[in-house]
Amino acid sequence: MHYFHRRRCKWLFYGKQATHSSGNLLPRWRRKGIRMSQSEQHYIMNQNLIEEMVRLNRQGHIITEGMGGVFPELSSHDVSSAHDILDLACGPGEWAMHVAQEYPEKRVVGVDISARMIEYATVQARAAHLPAEFRVMDILAHPLDFPDNSFDIVNIRMIFGFMNKERWQQLLKECQRILRPGGLVRVTETERGLYNHTVFEQYMDMWTHALFASGLSLSSDGTHYGTATVMKRLLREAGY
């Protein structure tokens, strides 16, 4: 974890590398339609599959719990002084709803390019009586539909699959615009893990090479994602 403060904004960045044991998952993933896509939706997986929403919810829950909660790095004073919170590319809304559940007095907004994801998140939030709002929004279409100085915290988590260097630079600058002075941008990303199953390792080779070939990798050679190694520099270049 890195923590850096400069002028108007702060940032927190997490880079994770996981070790997994897995069976032969590749055929099952193909049957369910999870595939690389070059569509203008910027979405690697098939976001309309209910299985993908369930997967993202489970993944989000594991990450949130594994990190020690929604704001494990913040003091109680930092949390209490944050009133408006934005979750970019929120998917089915796990993190945003978790925040709304713990801090119902705060305004929590989640945005995602997938209307199906936003519909799912909205229904779940209403069913649980959580004060979270969700909107369809392409986070790569700038300016984002928010005024300057709108939020105290902007959360970004696990979006490496549709980001390249230029998109990161543009998004981080846009986050600076919508953050209030002293606001916080949180970036949580992953790195390619280590696996003890040959088939899954081969799958990861295809995944990382496909990202590299499509220009959606920050790696210099396509053997890893590269996000965790360059994010600190990207944040500084963006003026944080």
Foldseek 3Di string as FASTA:
>chain_A
DDWDDDWFEIEAEAEAADEDEDDQCVVVCVVQQAAQDPDPQLDRGDLQDPVVLVVVLVVVVCVQVVVPHLCPPDDPVLVVPWAEEEEEQCFLPNSQQSCQVVCVRHAYEYEHQDPNSQVNNVVVCVVVVGRYHYDYDDLQDPPTPAQFQAGQEYEYEASLSRDALVSLLVSLLSVNRNHGGHGYYYYYYYKYYHYDDPNVVVVVLVSQQVCVVVRSAPDPPSPMRNCVVCVVVSNVVSPD
